[in-house]
């Protein structure tokens, strides 16, 4: 359902709020919805960038910038947001002061005394239809398992000209608040978010005691379709095509590449061995994955299967069953492919609860783009494996 009277309605999690259809900035529903400014990223009501002068913040993401991969994990309620610095220079010198607001918000969040004032942060995501927005929830800075050194960090990036710069990576928690009432929005707009009788309890608990009550949501199914497993842009398709072309005539060499790819996703892989092609026992590689830290850590064994297929050829039930049948007690499997797992195999995998990690063509394309930033750098990496 799309709500087209934004200035009168409540905000319901995952509901879509529509704007006009003029094909320009006037289509944006946020000014009518919350009385915030018309722009990108952080929208604010009140004087920026100080926390004490902000009445509310609307944080909008399009989830489509693969260089700055904002993400919402609906199972844990954790939202990752990247700041608005895109070039070398002072980390906080940005046109709309977004990074400065991030720093101030997290500084205040790390102050564990009761806050007399804190602006509610309302998350929205683009739908891809005009400028319609989906309400993602009420967020607060930080997470229950992160300290003050970990929830807002400056990360390094490199421009296309190999010039380094820093930007913020911020971790927010979406609170277990299904509805933001219009009455509370009106109190926010009046500068009385904390003192409002309409303020939701999970938010007040965080404001007064930094208690996190995340909105956790279990998926009804974990079966990804073909399109969800493959790259969805020409740029990303070029990455998976590069890997496929590099190894299509020598699948055995791809097994070593597949292990290096797996290590990009599962960084705690410790030791591994590529099995001989005539004695692999149904496994292209075996190894150990470390869980925990220090003296209390344990190593769990895994087996890997690698399939260098074109994106029009699916990995089927036979190949998956081959891997599953070779898993011993307390082992898990990793399937790495430049293609995708077909629907029947994926359905059986999920329904039977087999412990197998699927790394498909779309997954590896995104990872390589984010890790290396260009096809040429990936090509050099492949030649060094």
Protein backbone atom coordinates (compact mmCIF):
# COMPACT_ATOMS: atom_id res chain seq x y z
CA UNK A 1 0.00 0.00 0.00
CA UNK A 2 1.23 3.50 -0.85
CA UNK A 3 0.21 6.34 1.46
CA UNK A 4 -0.38 9.55 -0.48
CA UNK A 5 -1.42 11.90 2.36
CA UNK A 6 1.90 12.04 4.22
CA UNK A 7 1.14 15.13 6.30
CA UNK A 8 -1.80 13.39 8.02
CA UNK A 9 -0.62 9.84 8.62
CA UNK A 10 1.33 7.78 11.12
CA UNK A 11 4.52 6.04 10.04
CA UNK A 12 4.28 2.26 9.86
CA UNK A 13 7.40 0.14 9.45
CA UNK A 14 7.93 -0.99 5.83
CA UNK A 15 4.97 0.99 4.51
CA UNK A 16 5.58 3.08 1.39
CA UNK A 17 4.93 6.82 1.40
CA UNK A 18 4.36 8.36 -2.00
CA UNK A 19 5.05 11.76 -3.41
CA UNK A 20 3.81 13.54 -6.50
CA UNK A 21 4.57 12.47 -10.06
CA UNK A 22 6.08 15.63 -11.52
CA UNK A 23 9.43 14.06 -12.28
CA UNK A 24 11.46 16.53 -10.19
CA UNK A 25 12.45 17.28 -6.59
CA UNK A 26 8.89 18.27 -5.70
CA UNK A 27 7.97 14.55 -5.80
CA UNK A 28 9.84 14.02 -2.51
CA UNK A 29 7.34 13.11 0.25
CA UNK A 30 9.63 13.93 3.20
CA UNK A 31 9.02 17.70 3.39
CA UNK A 32 5.27 17.08 3.72
CA UNK A 33 5.72 14.02 5.88
CA UNK A 34 8.06 15.54 8.47
CA UNK A 35 8.59 19.22 7.54
CA UNK A 36 12.27 18.53 6.89
CA UNK A 37 14.36 20.07 4.15
CA UNK A 38 14.56 18.75 0.60
CA UNK A 39 17.91 17.11 -0.11
CA UNK A 40 19.87 13.88 0.19
CA UNK A 41 21.12 11.76 3.09
CA UNK A 42 20.42 13.46 6.42
CA UNK A 43 17.32 15.68 6.41
CA UNK A 44 16.86 17.78 9.50
CA UNK A 45 14.33 19.87 11.34
CA UNK A 46 16.04 22.39 13.57
CA UNK A 47 19.43 24.01 13.42
CA UNK A 48 22.30 21.72 12.45
CA UNK A 49 24.75 20.27 13.37
CA UNK A 50 24.46 20.42 17.19
CA UNK A 51 22.33 17.72 18.82
CA UNK A 52 20.73 20.22 21.20
CA UNK A 53 19.28 22.25 18.30
CA UNK A 54 17.96 19.37 16.18
CA UNK A 55 14.29 18.46 16.58
CA UNK A 56 14.31 15.37 14.36
CA UNK A 57 16.36 13.74 11.63
CA UNK A 58 15.27 11.78 8.59
CA UNK A 59 18.00 9.54 7.22
CA UNK A 60 17.42 8.38 3.65
CA UNK A 61 19.37 5.74 1.76
CA UNK A 62 19.02 4.27 -1.71
CA UNK A 63 20.94 1.03 -0.91
CA UNK A 64 22.33 1.17 -4.47
CA UNK A 65 25.81 2.67 -4.08
CA UNK A 66 28.12 -0.34 -4.15
CA UNK A 67 31.06 1.82 -3.09
CA UNK A 68 29.16 2.89 0.03
CA UNK A 69 26.96 -0.12 0.81
CA UNK A 70 24.39 1.08 3.34
CA UNK A 71 22.56 -1.97 4.63
CA UNK A 72 19.76 -3.02 6.94
CA UNK A 73 19.92 -6.45 8.56
CA UNK A 74 16.29 -7.12 9.36
CA UNK A 75 17.13 -10.20 11.41
CA UNK A 76 19.27 -8.27 13.90
CA UNK A 77 17.83 -4.78 13.51
CA UNK A 78 21.27 -3.33 12.66
CA UNK A 79 21.56 -0.54 10.10
CA UNK A 80 24.94 0.40 8.59
CA UNK A 81 25.23 3.88 7.14
CA UNK A 82 28.16 5.56 5.39
CA UNK A 83 28.69 9.29 5.73
CA UNK A 84 28.79 11.91 3.01
CA UNK A 85 32.54 12.40 2.54
CA UNK A 86 33.51 11.41 -1.00
CA UNK A 87 36.86 13.14 -1.55
CA UNK A 88 40.13 13.88 0.27
CA UNK A 89 40.16 16.49 2.98
CA UNK A 90 38.85 17.06 6.49
CA UNK A 91 36.54 14.20 7.45
CA UNK A 92 33.94 16.65 8.75
CA UNK A 93 34.07 19.17 5.91
CA UNK A 94 31.03 18.15 3.85
CA UNK A 95 28.47 20.35 2.10
CA UNK A 96 25.51 19.39 4.30
CA UNK A 97 27.48 18.76 7.51
CA UNK A 98 26.32 15.15 7.56
CA UNK A 99 29.55 13.76 9.01
CA UNK A 100 29.65 16.46 11.65
CA UNK A 101 26.10 15.53 12.69
CA UNK A 102 27.12 11.87 12.82
CA UNK A 103 30.01 12.69 15.13
CA UNK A 104 27.83 14.82 17.39
CA UNK A 105 25.06 12.20 17.55
CA UNK A 106 27.46 9.43 18.53
CA UNK A 107 29.30 11.65 21.02
CA UNK A 108 25.99 12.32 22.74
CA UNK A 109 25.05 8.63 22.56
CA UNK A 110 28.31 7.73 24.32
CA UNK A 111 27.39 10.09 27.14
CA UNK A 112 25.46 7.70 29.37
CA UNK A 113 23.86 10.33 31.55
CA UNK A 114 20.16 10.90 30.94
CA UNK A 115 19.62 13.03 27.85
CA UNK A 116 17.30 15.97 28.27
CA UNK A 117 17.07 16.19 24.50
CA UNK A 118 17.83 13.84 21.61
CA UNK A 119 16.44 14.06 18.08
CA UNK A 120 14.52 10.98 16.86
CA UNK A 121 16.16 9.46 13.78
CA UNK A 122 13.69 8.13 11.21
CA UNK A 123 15.05 5.83 8.49
CA UNK A 124 13.76 5.71 4.93
CA UNK A 125 14.80 3.77 1.85
CA UNK A 126 14.17 4.46 -1.83
CA UNK A 127 11.72 2.18 -3.59
CA UNK A 128 12.92 2.91 -7.12
CA UNK A 129 9.50 4.33 -8.07
CA UNK A 130 9.65 8.10 -8.58
CA UNK A 131 10.71 9.40 -5.14
CA UNK A 132 8.47 7.14 -3.08
CA UNK A 133 10.04 6.06 0.20
CA UNK A 134 9.69 3.06 2.47
CA UNK A 135 9.80 3.75 6.21
CA UNK A 136 12.43 1.47 7.73
CA UNK A 137 12.06 2.34 11.38
CA UNK A 138 13.15 4.46 14.33
CA UNK A 139 16.91 4.31 14.83
CA UNK A 140 19.37 5.16 17.58
CA UNK A 141 23.19 5.35 17.38
CA UNK A 142 25.18 2.27 18.33
CA UNK A 143 24.35 -1.35 19.12
CA UNK A 144 24.21 -3.46 22.26
CA UNK A 145 27.32 -5.46 21.35
CA UNK A 146 29.49 -2.51 20.23
CA UNK A 147 31.60 -0.17 22.32
CA UNK A 148 32.17 3.52 21.73
CA UNK A 149 35.28 2.79 19.64
CA UNK A 150 33.40 0.54 17.24
CA UNK A 151 29.99 2.04 16.42
CA UNK A 152 31.33 5.06 14.52
CA UNK A 153 34.60 4.46 12.71
CA UNK A 154 36.53 6.34 10.05
CA UNK A 155 37.29 4.01 7.13
CA UNK A 156 39.77 4.58 4.34
CA UNK A 157 38.78 4.55 0.70
CA UNK A 158 40.66 5.22 -2.55
CA UNK A 159 39.42 7.32 -5.45
CA UNK A 160 39.71 6.22 -9.08
CA UNK A 161 42.91 8.30 -9.18
CA UNK A 162 44.37 6.28 -6.27
CA UNK A 163 43.97 9.16 -3.81
CA UNK A 164 43.10 8.09 -0.28
CA UNK A 165 40.47 9.68 1.95
CA UNK A 166 38.34 8.86 4.97
CA UNK A 167 34.60 8.60 5.54
CA UNK A 168 32.43 7.49 8.43
CA UNK A 169 30.89 4.06 8.80
CA UNK A 170 28.10 4.32 11.37
CA UNK A 171 26.17 1.54 13.10
CA UNK A 172 22.60 2.21 14.21
CA UNK A 173 20.00 0.02 15.89
CA UNK A 174 16.42 0.06 14.61
CA UNK A 175 14.21 -0.08 17.69
CA UNK A 176 11.21 -2.34 18.21
CA UNK A 177 8.70 0.41 17.45
CA UNK A 178 6.22 -0.64 14.75
CA UNK A 179 4.38 2.70 14.48
CA UNK A 180 5.42 6.33 14.84
CA UNK A 181 2.26 8.21 15.68
CA UNK A 182 1.38 11.50 14.04
CA UNK A 183 0.88 12.91 17.53
CA UNK A 184 4.51 12.17 18.42
CA UNK A 185 5.72 13.60 15.10
CA UNK A 186 3.90 16.83 15.95
CA UNK A 187 5.60 16.89 19.35
CA UNK A 188 8.97 16.31 17.66
CA UNK A 189 8.29 19.24 15.36
CA UNK A 190 7.57 21.35 18.43
CA UNK A 191 10.90 20.32 19.96
CA UNK A 192 9.39 18.09 22.63
CA UNK A 193 10.31 14.56 21.52
CA UNK A 194 11.64 13.41 24.91
CA UNK A 195 8.91 14.96 27.04
CA UNK A 196 6.06 13.84 24.81
CA UNK A 197 3.44 11.49 26.25
CA UNK A 198 3.32 9.87 22.79
CA UNK A 199 7.00 8.91 22.72
CA UNK A 200 7.42 5.08 22.46
CA UNK A 201 8.88 3.28 25.48
CA UNK A 202 11.81 1.56 23.64
CA UNK A 203 13.03 4.97 22.50
CA UNK A 204 12.65 6.54 25.94
CA UNK A 205 14.49 3.56 27.47
CA UNK A 206 17.39 4.24 25.13
CA UNK A 207 17.37 8.00 25.75
CA UNK A 208 17.36 7.58 29.54
CA UNK A 209 19.57 4.52 29.94
CA UNK A 210 20.99 3.53 26.52
CA UNK A 211 18.98 0.32 26.58
CA UNK A 212 18.76 -1.25 23.12
CA UNK A 213 15.52 -3.00 22.10
CA UNK A 214 16.14 -3.91 18.45
CA UNK A 215 13.41 -4.74 15.98
CA UNK A 216 14.33 -8.29 15.03
CA UNK A 217 12.53 -10.06 12.22
CA UNK A 218 12.97 -13.68 11.22
CA UNK A 219 12.71 -14.34 7.47
CA UNK A 220 9.84 -16.51 6.26
CA UNK A 221 12.18 -18.12 3.73
CA UNK A 222 15.87 -17.93 2.89
CA UNK A 223 15.63 -19.19 -0.67
CA UNK A 224 17.17 -16.71 -3.09
CA UNK A 225 15.90 -16.62 -6.64
CA UNK A 226 18.16 -16.72 -9.70
CA UNK A 227 18.00 -12.95 -10.08
CA UNK A 228 18.88 -12.45 -6.41
CA UNK A 229 22.00 -14.60 -6.79
CA UNK A 230 23.31 -12.98 -9.98
CA UNK A 231 24.71 -9.46 -10.57
CA UNK A 232 22.01 -6.90 -11.32
CA UNK A 233 24.05 -4.28 -13.20
CA UNK A 234 26.33 -4.37 -16.25
CA UNK A 235 29.20 -3.12 -14.09
CA UNK A 236 28.88 -6.03 -11.67
CA UNK A 237 28.32 -8.55 -14.46
CA UNK A 238 31.72 -7.55 -15.81
CA UNK A 239 33.37 -8.66 -12.55
CA UNK A 240 31.88 -12.14 -12.55
CA UNK A 241 32.52 -12.47 -16.30
CA UNK A 242 36.18 -11.64 -15.70
CA UNK A 243 36.52 -14.43 -13.13
CA UNK A 244 34.63 -16.93 -15.27
CA UNK A 245 36.67 -16.14 -18.38
CA UNK A 246 39.91 -16.38 -16.43
CA UNK A 247 39.20 -19.92 -15.20
CA UNK A 248 36.62 -21.48 -17.52
CA UNK A 249 39.23 -23.66 -19.28
CA UNK A 250 40.83 -24.88 -16.03
CA UNK A 251 38.27 -25.61 -13.27
CA UNK A 252 41.00 -26.99 -11.02
CA UNK A 253 42.75 -23.60 -10.90
CA UNK A 254 39.38 -22.01 -10.08
CA UNK A 255 39.29 -24.06 -6.89
CA UNK A 256 42.22 -22.07 -5.51
CA UNK A 257 40.52 -18.83 -6.57
CA UNK A 258 37.28 -20.02 -4.95
CA UNK A 259 39.11 -20.52 -1.65
CA UNK A 260 40.56 -17.01 -1.85
CA UNK A 261 37.06 -15.70 -2.55
CA UNK A 262 35.68 -17.65 0.40
CA UNK A 263 38.33 -16.02 2.62
CA UNK A 264 37.03 -12.59 1.60
CA UNK A 265 33.60 -13.55 2.94
CA UNK A 266 34.69 -15.73 5.88
CA UNK A 267 37.69 -13.88 7.24
CA UNK A 268 38.31 -16.36 10.07
CA UNK A 269 39.26 -19.21 7.74
CA UNK A 270 42.54 -20.46 9.19
CA UNK A 271 44.10 -23.38 7.38
CA UNK A 272 42.98 -25.03 4.17
CA UNK A 273 44.07 -27.55 1.59
CA UNK A 274 43.05 -27.80 -2.06
CA UNK A 275 42.37 -31.48 -2.69
CA UNK A 276 43.81 -33.32 -5.64
CA UNK A 277 41.35 -33.53 -8.56
CA UNK A 278 41.49 -37.32 -8.70
CA UNK A 279 41.25 -37.84 -4.93
CA UNK A 280 38.98 -35.05 -3.72
CA UNK A 281 36.33 -37.29 -2.16
CA UNK A 282 33.60 -34.95 -3.34
CA UNK A 283 35.31 -31.88 -1.87
CA UNK A 284 37.46 -29.36 -3.74
CA UNK A 285 39.01 -28.07 -0.53
CA UNK A 286 38.96 -28.68 3.21
CA UNK A 287 39.96 -26.40 6.04
CA UNK A 288 39.20 -24.90 9.44
CA UNK A 289 37.26 -21.83 10.50
CA UNK A 290 37.97 -20.19 13.86
CA UNK A 291 35.13 -19.17 16.17
CA UNK A 292 35.97 -16.93 19.11
CA UNK A 293 39.19 -15.27 20.18
CA UNK A 294 42.30 -16.16 22.10
CA UNK A 295 42.59 -19.21 24.29
CA UNK A 296 38.84 -19.81 24.26
CA UNK A 297 38.56 -20.06 20.46
CA UNK A 298 37.64 -23.26 18.66
CA UNK A 299 38.30 -24.41 15.09
CA UNK A 300 35.45 -25.88 13.05
CA UNK A 301 36.13 -27.93 9.94
CA UNK A 302 34.58 -27.15 6.57
CA UNK A 303 34.54 -28.54 3.05
CA UNK A 304 34.29 -26.44 -0.09
CA UNK A 305 32.92 -27.10 -3.56
CA UNK A 306 33.78 -24.74 -6.45
CA UNK A 307 31.85 -24.42 -9.71
CA UNK A 308 33.10 -22.17 -12.50
CA UNK A 309 29.94 -21.93 -14.63
CA UNK A 310 28.57 -19.32 -16.97
CA UNK A 311 25.76 -17.26 -15.48
CA UNK A 312 23.23 -19.10 -17.66
CA UNK A 313 24.15 -22.50 -16.17
CA UNK A 314 22.85 -23.35 -12.71
CA UNK A 315 24.49 -25.46 -10.03
CA UNK A 316 21.98 -28.26 -9.56
CA UNK A 317 20.90 -30.80 -6.99
CA UNK A 318 23.59 -33.30 -7.97
CA UNK A 319 26.51 -30.99 -7.24
CA UNK A 320 24.99 -29.77 -3.98
CA UNK A 321 24.17 -33.31 -2.85
CA UNK A 322 27.75 -34.31 -3.62
CA UNK A 323 29.02 -31.69 -1.19
CA UNK A 324 26.43 -32.41 1.50
CA UNK A 325 27.11 -36.15 1.40
CA UNK A 326 30.78 -35.56 2.16
CA UNK A 327 30.16 -33.38 5.23
CA UNK A 328 31.09 -35.14 8.42
CA UNK A 329 29.65 -34.51 11.87
CA UNK A 330 30.19 -30.89 13.01
CA UNK A 331 31.43 -29.79 9.60
CA UNK A 332 29.88 -27.14 7.39
CA UNK A 333 30.07 -26.64 3.65
CA UNK A 334 30.89 -23.73 1.34
CA UNK A 335 29.69 -23.62 -2.26
CA UNK A 336 31.42 -20.99 -4.41
CA UNK A 337 30.17 -20.45 -7.95
CA UNK A 338 30.34 -17.82 -10.68
CA UNK A 339 26.73 -18.79 -11.41
CA UNK A 340 23.77 -19.58 -9.13
CA UNK A 341 22.13 -22.46 -7.28
CA UNK A 342 18.95 -23.62 -8.97
CA UNK A 343 15.63 -23.27 -7.17
CA UNK A 344 15.09 -26.96 -6.41
CA UNK A 345 18.55 -27.36 -4.91
CA UNK A 346 18.17 -24.14 -2.89
CA UNK A 347 14.78 -25.21 -1.60
CA UNK A 348 16.08 -28.61 -0.47
CA UNK A 349 19.09 -26.96 1.16
CA UNK A 350 16.94 -24.61 3.25
CA UNK A 351 14.12 -27.02 4.06
CA UNK A 352 16.50 -29.74 5.22
CA UNK A 353 18.62 -27.29 7.21
CA UNK A 354 21.97 -28.31 5.75
CA UNK A 355 24.90 -26.15 7.02
CA UNK A 356 26.13 -24.86 3.66
CA UNK A 357 27.18 -21.28 2.85
CA UNK A 358 26.25 -20.23 -0.70
CA UNK A 359 28.53 -17.70 -2.42
CA UNK A 360 27.00 -16.99 -5.83
CA UNK A 361 28.08 -14.94 -8.82
CA UNK A 362 26.31 -11.83 -7.57
CA UNK A 363 27.88 -12.17 -4.14
CA UNK A 364 31.42 -12.44 -5.46
CA UNK A 365 30.90 -9.59 -7.94
CA UNK A 366 29.85 -7.22 -5.16
CA UNK A 367 32.69 -8.33 -2.92
CA UNK A 368 35.32 -7.88 -5.63
CA UNK A 369 33.98 -4.44 -6.57
CA UNK A 370 34.05 -3.28 -2.95
CA UNK A 371 37.43 -4.87 -2.24
CA UNK A 372 39.37 -3.79 -5.33
CA UNK A 373 37.33 -1.04 -6.98
CA UNK A 374 38.26 -1.79 -10.59
CA UNK A 375 38.43 -4.67 -13.05
CA UNK A 376 42.12 -4.10 -13.64
CA UNK A 377 42.94 -4.54 -9.95
CA UNK A 378 40.88 -7.74 -9.87
CA UNK A 379 42.75 -9.01 -12.93
CA UNK A 380 46.07 -8.40 -11.18
CA UNK A 381 44.77 -10.20 -8.09
CA UNK A 382 43.69 -13.20 -10.16
CA UNK A 383 47.09 -13.42 -11.81
CA UNK A 384 48.78 -13.54 -8.39
CA UNK A 385 46.65 -16.34 -6.94
